[in-house]
Protein backbone atom coordinates (compact mmCIF):
# COMPACT_ATOMS: atom_id res chain seq x y z
CA MET A 1 15.44 -23.13 13.31
CA ILE A 2 16.30 -23.04 9.60
CA ARG A 3 14.49 -25.30 7.15
CA ILE A 4 14.33 -25.44 3.37
CA ALA A 5 11.11 -27.11 2.25
CA ALA A 6 8.06 -26.71 0.07
CA ALA A 7 4.80 -25.40 1.46
CA VAL A 8 1.58 -25.11 -0.50
CA VAL A 9 -0.43 -22.09 0.53
CA VAL A 10 -3.98 -21.52 -0.72
CA VAL A 11 -5.07 -17.88 -0.70
CA ALA A 12 -7.86 -15.83 -2.21
CA ALA A 13 -7.36 -14.51 -5.72
CA LEU A 14 -7.84 -10.82 -6.34
CA SER A 15 -11.19 -9.97 -7.87
CA SER A 16 -11.36 -8.20 -11.22
CA ALA A 17 -14.05 -5.90 -9.82
CA PRO A 18 -13.26 -2.74 -7.84
CA ALA A 19 -12.33 -3.67 -4.28
CA GLU A 20 -13.55 -1.74 -1.29
CA ALA A 21 -10.98 -0.80 1.31
CA CYS A 22 -9.79 -3.49 3.67
CA SER A 23 -10.58 -2.64 7.28
CA CYS A 24 -8.52 -4.30 10.01
CA ARG A 25 -8.56 -3.81 13.77
CA GLU A 26 -5.61 -1.66 14.76
CA ARG A 27 -3.36 -2.98 17.51
CA ASN A 28 -2.11 -0.03 19.51
CA GLY A 29 0.13 -0.13 22.54
CA GLU A 30 3.41 -1.88 23.30
CA LEU A 31 5.18 -3.76 20.52
CA ALA A 32 6.64 -6.61 22.60
CA PRO A 33 3.27 -8.02 23.80
CA ALA A 34 1.84 -7.69 20.27
CA LEU A 35 4.68 -9.75 18.79
CA GLU A 36 4.42 -12.43 21.47
CA GLU A 37 0.64 -12.61 21.08
CA ALA A 38 0.85 -13.01 17.29
CA ARG A 39 3.38 -15.82 17.53
CA ALA A 40 1.44 -17.57 20.28
CA GLU A 41 -1.86 -17.44 18.35
CA ALA A 42 -0.46 -18.53 14.97
CA THR A 43 -0.40 -22.19 13.99
CA VAL A 44 2.67 -21.76 11.82
CA VAL A 45 5.09 -18.87 11.25
CA PHE A 46 7.58 -19.02 8.38
CA ARG A 47 9.50 -17.00 5.82
CA GLY A 48 9.01 -18.17 2.25
CA ARG A 49 9.44 -17.27 -1.40
CA VAL A 50 6.48 -17.61 -3.76
CA SER A 51 7.31 -20.18 -6.45
CA ALA A 52 3.87 -20.71 -8.05
CA VAL A 53 0.36 -19.24 -8.07
CA ASP A 54 -2.39 -21.51 -9.47
CA PRO A 55 -6.21 -21.19 -9.68
CA PHE A 56 -8.11 -23.05 -6.97
CA PRO A 57 -11.93 -22.80 -7.26
CA LEU A 58 -13.66 -23.25 -3.92
CA LEU A 59 -17.46 -23.22 -3.73
CA PHE A 60 -18.59 -19.89 -5.21
CA MET A 61 -15.34 -18.06 -4.50
CA SER A 62 -12.27 -17.50 -6.64
CA ARG A 63 -9.09 -18.79 -4.99
CA THR A 64 -5.47 -19.36 -5.84
CA ARG A 65 -3.07 -22.01 -4.59
CA VAL A 66 0.21 -20.34 -3.75
CA THR A 67 3.31 -22.51 -3.38
CA PHE A 68 6.10 -21.23 -1.17
CA GLU A 69 9.69 -22.36 -0.95
CA VAL A 70 10.07 -22.20 2.84
CA LEU A 71 13.32 -20.50 3.86
CA ASP A 72 12.90 -20.22 7.66
CA THR A 73 10.44 -21.88 10.04
CA PHE A 74 9.79 -20.04 13.30
CA LYS A 75 6.83 -22.01 14.61
CA GLY A 76 5.31 -25.35 13.63
CA SER A 77 6.18 -27.20 10.46
CA ALA A 78 5.54 -25.13 7.35
CA SER A 79 6.42 -28.03 5.07
CA ASP A 80 3.40 -29.39 3.18
CA GLU A 81 1.05 -26.98 4.95
CA ARG A 82 -1.88 -25.41 3.08
CA VAL A 83 -3.24 -21.94 3.87
CA VAL A 84 -6.65 -20.64 2.79
CA ASN A 85 -7.18 -16.88 2.77
CA GLY A 86 -10.92 -16.16 2.99
CA GLY A 87 -12.74 -13.95 0.49
CA SER A 88 -12.29 -13.06 -3.13
CA GLY A 89 -10.13 -9.94 -3.20
CA GLY A 90 -8.31 -7.12 -1.44
CA GLY A 91 -11.54 -5.52 -0.19
CA ASP A 92 -12.11 -8.45 2.16
CA CYS A 93 -8.48 -8.28 3.34
CA SER A 94 -7.25 -11.24 1.29
CA ILE A 95 -3.70 -11.19 -0.03
CA GLY A 96 -2.47 -11.17 -3.63
CA TYR A 97 0.86 -12.90 -4.14
CA GLN A 98 3.27 -12.80 -7.10
CA VAL A 99 5.94 -15.33 -8.02
CA GLY A 100 9.36 -14.42 -6.67
CA GLU A 101 8.12 -12.36 -3.72
CA GLU A 102 9.43 -13.16 -0.25
CA TRP A 103 6.88 -13.20 2.58
CA LEU A 104 6.76 -13.59 6.34
CA VAL A 105 3.64 -15.70 6.94
CA TYR A 106 1.60 -15.99 10.14
CA ALA A 107 -1.04 -18.67 9.45
CA TYR A 108 -4.03 -19.76 11.56
CA ARG A 109 -6.05 -22.99 11.33
CA HIS A 110 -9.74 -22.61 10.45
CA TRP A 111 -12.05 -25.51 9.49
CA GLY A 112 -9.10 -27.82 9.05
CA LEU A 113 -7.21 -25.42 6.78
CA LEU A 114 -4.70 -22.66 7.44
CA ASP A 115 -5.78 -19.06 6.89
CA THR A 116 -3.98 -15.74 6.62
CA SER A 117 -4.97 -12.22 5.63
CA LEU A 118 -3.89 -8.59 5.52
CA CYS A 119 -5.16 -8.28 9.10
CA THR A 120 -2.45 -10.64 10.39
CA ARG A 121 1.28 -9.90 10.62
CA THR A 122 1.72 -11.64 7.24
CA ARG A 123 3.58 -9.30 4.87
CA ARG A 124 6.35 -8.99 2.30
CA VAL A 125 9.87 -9.16 3.72
CA GLU A 126 11.97 -6.00 3.45
CA PRO A 127 15.78 -5.63 3.66
CA GLY A 128 16.98 -5.38 7.27
CA ASP A 129 13.61 -6.61 8.56
CA LEU A 130 13.45 -6.01 12.32
CA GLU A 131 10.64 -8.50 12.90
CA LEU A 132 12.71 -11.27 11.34
CA ARG A 133 15.56 -10.33 13.65
CA TRP A 134 13.21 -10.68 16.62
CA LEU A 135 11.94 -14.07 15.44
CA ARG A 136 15.50 -15.31 15.01
CA THR A 137 17.18 -13.78 18.07
CA GLY A 138 14.47 -12.49 20.43
CA GLU A 139 15.97 -8.99 20.14
CA LEU A 140 13.25 -6.33 20.23
CA PRO A 141 13.52 -3.00 18.37
CA LEU A 142 14.65 0.01 20.40
CA ARG A 143 12.09 2.15 22.22
CA PRO A 144 12.16 5.87 21.29
CA VAL A 145 12.88 8.50 23.94
CA ALA A 146 11.38 11.37 21.92
CA MET A 147 9.56 12.15 18.67
CA ARG A 148 9.98 14.56 15.77
CA ARG A 149 7.32 15.17 13.13
CA GLU A 150 8.13 16.38 9.63
CA THR A 151 6.10 18.99 7.77
CA VAL A 152 6.04 18.64 3.97
CA THR A 153 4.50 21.11 1.49
CA CYS A 154 4.36 21.37 -2.31
CA ILE A 155 2.15 22.49 -5.17
CA PRO A 156 -0.31 19.59 -5.60
CA CYS A 157 0.08 17.44 -8.72
CA ASN A 158 -2.46 14.66 -9.18
CA LEU A 159 -5.22 13.49 -11.52
CA GLU A 160 -7.75 15.81 -9.88
CA THR A 161 -5.68 18.99 -10.23
CA VAL A 162 -4.74 18.18 -13.84
CA THR A 163 -8.21 17.21 -15.05
CA ALA A 164 -9.76 20.30 -13.42
CA LYS A 165 -7.97 22.32 -16.10
CA LEU A 166 -7.94 19.73 -18.87
CA VAL A 167 -11.57 18.60 -18.84
CA GLY A 168 -13.60 21.61 -17.71
CA GLY A 169 -17.09 21.22 -19.18
CA PRO A 170 -20.13 20.37 -17.04
CA GLN A 171 -19.36 20.49 -13.34
CA LYS A 172 -20.42 16.86 -12.84
CA ASN A 173 -17.75 15.73 -15.30
CA CYS A 174 -14.92 17.46 -13.45
CA TYR A 175 -14.73 14.39 -11.20
CA SER A 176 -13.72 10.85 -12.11
CA LEU A 177 -16.79 9.09 -13.51
CA GLY A 178 -17.77 5.49 -12.82
CA GLU A 179 -17.95 2.99 -15.66
CA PRO A 180 -21.60 3.57 -16.75
CA GLU A 181 -21.35 7.36 -16.60
CA ALA A 182 -17.99 7.38 -18.41
CA LEU A 183 -19.32 5.21 -21.23
CA THR A 184 -22.33 7.52 -21.61
CA ALA A 185 -20.16 10.66 -21.74
CA TRP A 186 -17.83 8.99 -24.25
CA LYS A 187 -20.68 7.99 -26.55
CA GLU A 188 -22.17 11.49 -26.35
CA HIS A 189 -18.74 13.15 -26.93
CA LEU A 190 -18.92 15.08 -23.64
CA PRO A 191 -15.82 16.16 -21.69
CA PHE A 192 -15.09 13.64 -18.92
CA TRP A 193 -12.42 11.54 -17.30
CA THR A 194 -12.37 8.15 -15.60
CA GLU A 195 -9.64 6.27 -13.76
CA GLY A 196 -8.70 2.70 -12.94
CA TYR A 197 -8.69 1.18 -9.46
CA TYR A 198 -6.52 -0.66 -6.96
CA ALA A 199 -6.36 -4.41 -7.64
CA GLY A 200 -3.95 -5.81 -5.08
CA HIS A 201 -0.58 -4.12 -5.53
CA ALA A 202 0.26 -0.45 -5.26
CA GLY A 203 1.38 1.17 -8.50
CA PRO A 204 0.72 3.99 -10.97
CA MET A 205 -2.87 5.11 -11.64
CA THR A 206 -4.08 5.51 -15.23
CA ALA A 207 -6.95 7.74 -16.37
CA VAL A 208 -8.49 8.46 -19.77
CA GLY A 209 -11.07 10.93 -21.04
CA LEU A 210 -12.07 13.67 -23.44
CA SER A 211 -10.77 17.19 -22.96
CA ALA A 212 -12.91 20.32 -23.14
CA GLU A 213 -11.82 20.56 -26.80
CA GLY A 214 -12.98 16.98 -27.44
CA GLU A 215 -9.44 15.52 -27.64
CA PRO A 216 -9.05 11.96 -26.26
CA PHE A 217 -6.23 11.69 -23.72
CA GLN A 218 -4.50 9.39 -21.26
CA LEU A 219 -2.96 10.46 -17.94
CA VAL A 220 -0.66 8.46 -15.66
CA GLN A 221 -0.03 9.45 -12.06
CA LYS A 222 3.14 7.99 -10.55
CA PRO A 223 4.01 6.57 -8.12
CA PHE A 224 0.44 6.98 -6.76
CA TRP A 225 0.14 4.38 -3.95
CA GLY A 226 3.60 3.12 -4.83
CA THR A 227 4.97 5.47 -2.17
CA GLU A 228 3.87 6.66 1.25
CA GLU A 229 5.89 9.88 1.01
CA MET A 230 4.13 13.19 0.62
CA CYS A 231 4.82 15.38 -2.40
CA ARG A 232 6.37 12.75 -4.66
CA GLN A 233 3.58 12.55 -7.28
CA ARG A 234 3.92 13.40 -10.96
CA VAL A 235 1.44 13.26 -13.85
CA SER A 236 2.21 12.63 -17.52
CA TYR A 237 -0.06 13.21 -20.54
CA GLN A 238 -0.54 11.46 -23.89
CA GLN A 239 -2.99 12.36 -26.63
CA CYS A 240 -4.84 9.35 -28.05
CA GLU A 241 -5.96 8.70 -31.61
CA ARG A 242 -9.28 7.59 -30.09
CA LEU A 243 -10.79 5.79 -27.10
CA GLU A 244 -12.22 2.27 -27.32
CA GLN A 245 -14.08 0.13 -24.80
CA ARG A 246 -12.06 -2.82 -23.54
CA ALA A 247 -13.45 -6.28 -24.19
CA ARG A 248 -12.54 -7.32 -20.63
CA PRO A 249 -10.91 -5.81 -17.53
CA LEU A 250 -7.13 -5.51 -17.62
CA VAL A 251 -4.83 -5.42 -14.58
CA VAL A 252 -1.24 -4.22 -14.96
CA GLY A 253 1.16 -4.20 -12.02
CA GLY A 254 -1.64 -4.67 -9.52
CA MET A 255 -3.67 -1.67 -10.75
CA ALA A 256 -6.75 -2.13 -12.96
CA LEU A 257 -6.85 0.05 -16.08
CA PRO A 258 -9.93 2.11 -17.02
CA THR A 259 -12.79 0.51 -18.99
CA LEU A 260 -11.89 2.72 -21.96
CA GLU A 261 -8.55 2.21 -23.71
CA CYS A 262 -6.28 4.84 -25.25
CA VAL A 263 -5.60 3.76 -28.85
CA SER A 264 -2.27 4.79 -30.44
CA PRO A 265 -1.06 7.10 -27.63
CA GLY A 266 1.26 9.91 -28.69
CA PRO A 267 4.48 11.19 -27.08
CA VAL A 268 4.60 11.45 -23.29
CA THR A 269 4.51 14.96 -21.83
CA LEU A 270 5.22 15.57 -18.13
CA LEU A 271 2.55 18.00 -16.90
CA CYS A 272 3.67 18.45 -13.29
CA ASP A 273 5.98 17.02 -10.63
CA GLU A 274 5.52 17.66 -6.91
CA SER A 275 9.19 16.96 -6.19
CA THR A 276 10.19 20.22 -7.92
CA THR A 277 8.32 22.31 -5.32
CA ARG A 278 8.73 19.98 -2.33
CA LYS A 279 9.82 21.55 0.96
CA ALA A 280 10.35 19.54 4.15
CA GLN A 281 11.19 20.64 7.69
CA TRP A 282 11.50 18.76 10.98
CA GLY A 283 9.70 20.15 14.04
CA PRO A 284 10.92 20.30 17.66
CA LEU A 285 11.49 17.26 19.85
CA GLU A 286 8.23 16.04 21.39
CA ASP A 287 7.03 13.50 23.90
CA ALA A 288 7.06 10.11 22.14
CA GLY A 289 4.10 9.05 24.27
CA SER A 290 1.84 11.53 22.47
CA ALA A 291 1.86 9.31 19.35
CA THR A 292 -0.52 6.36 19.12
CA CYS A 293 1.08 3.74 16.89
CA ASN A 294 -0.36 0.68 15.21
CA VAL A 295 1.97 -2.19 16.15
CA ASN A 296 0.78 -4.52 13.37
CA LEU A 297 4.08 -3.60 11.72
CA VAL A 298 7.41 -3.30 13.52
CA GLU A 299 8.78 -0.66 11.13
CA PRO A 300 7.79 1.48 9.45
CA ARG A 301 4.70 1.78 11.61
CA THR A 302 1.61 3.91 11.17
CA CYS A 303 1.11 6.40 13.99
CA ARG A 304 -1.53 8.98 14.76
CA VAL A 305 -0.15 12.15 16.31
CA PRO A 306 -2.21 14.95 17.88
CA ALA A 307 -2.67 18.19 15.96
CA GLU A 308 -1.09 20.21 18.78
CA LEU A 309 2.61 19.97 19.58
CA HIS A 310 3.77 18.24 22.78
CA ALA A 311 7.25 19.73 22.99
CA LEU A 312 9.66 18.34 25.59
CA ILE A 313 10.23 20.71 28.50
CA ALA A 314 13.53 19.18 29.56
CA PRO A 315 16.27 18.14 27.12
CA ALA A 316 15.65 14.67 25.73
CA PRO A 317 17.93 11.92 27.04
CA ALA A 318 20.32 10.36 24.55
CA GLY A 319 18.61 7.66 22.56
CA PRO A 320 16.62 6.88 19.45
CA VAL A 321 13.90 9.18 18.13
CA LEU A 322 10.52 8.30 16.62
CA ARG A 323 10.70 10.04 13.23
CA CYS A 324 7.19 10.68 11.87
CA GLN A 325 6.59 11.79 8.30
CA PRO A 326 3.24 12.72 6.69
CA ARG A 327 1.65 9.89 4.73
CA TYR A 328 0.43 10.26 1.17
CA ASP A 329 -3.37 10.16 0.93
CA TRP A 330 -3.77 9.68 4.71
CA ALA A 331 -4.24 13.09 6.29
CA ARG A 332 -4.48 11.91 9.92
CA ASP A 333 -1.77 9.22 9.95
CA ARG A 334 1.99 9.37 9.69
CA VAL A 335 4.64 6.83 8.76
CA CYS A 336 7.11 6.56 11.63
CA SER A 337 10.44 4.83 12.10
CA ILE A 338 12.89 4.66 15.00
CA GLY A 339 16.42 5.94 14.52
CA SER A 340 18.86 8.73 15.25
CA ASP A 341 17.62 12.31 15.58
CA PRO A 342 17.24 13.61 11.98
CA VAL A 343 17.99 17.19 13.07
CA ALA A 344 21.13 16.27 15.01
CA SER A 345 22.40 14.32 11.97
CA LEU A 346 22.07 17.49 9.85
CA GLU A 347 23.98 19.72 12.26
CA PRO A 348 27.66 20.40 11.42
């Protein structure tokens, strides 16, 4: 059913304070029952584009009213519905929306209002979205007949490796300092560094500090959480005229900047780039059943694979393969997608 309408969605605003990690219950097992269960439990399911985000104070919590232009309705009537996302920021699993984004929304009624969070199937819509295809046609994604895991190596390039050489000084200052400790080190002209924090949308991470020689600097690590691929990080350096304390927190592109600001930054110098030393290799075909996948997403999905290989004894039957790649900053999990065998596609 296709409908064009306006829906007003009220969700929690992102807090300006550092957010602790959102923790959701993983749904492992078969994808088909998980999709059916989510649709059955939701009050409304729709695809919409964010057209406005407005403040909406509620009791002692900071909220925003998010208006969607509803593009598809898959369950219920999304027109004129209002959704409240509990909490005050990403740490409590609330969602931050930006105008122009397109979302698939699963909303649930609580206390007379509709609620959604990062722990539901609500998420931004991607090109070729398989879950949208299922909602429209009932066609489920293919089931893999085997699995391949990719091994990726490179020379590490991140804020920690760079500042270990740049800052030096007292051992305690070789690590990113919190706001009070960073301000103390800055005032006492001690070598240190401090970084920003996640504030709702993945993006580059900025850090500032004083080098072992007392020079103020700014570092930017990209893409940081803007990618899930291993060995894609790079760090750039700028010398600052001086550091100054910000009058108030500043969020750029969903990432909060450090409390101290780099004044009059100089030319940008690329210090390192993991892509230049990146090496990737696919392993042998394995039993797809050895991977435990979180079915909160259709694709790409997060899967946990055992440390030991579970190679197939007999040749794998023709069919799609679960392709699992290491995930940046998540040592135990992998990002997996279903498709053709990546090794067979490379063979002449």
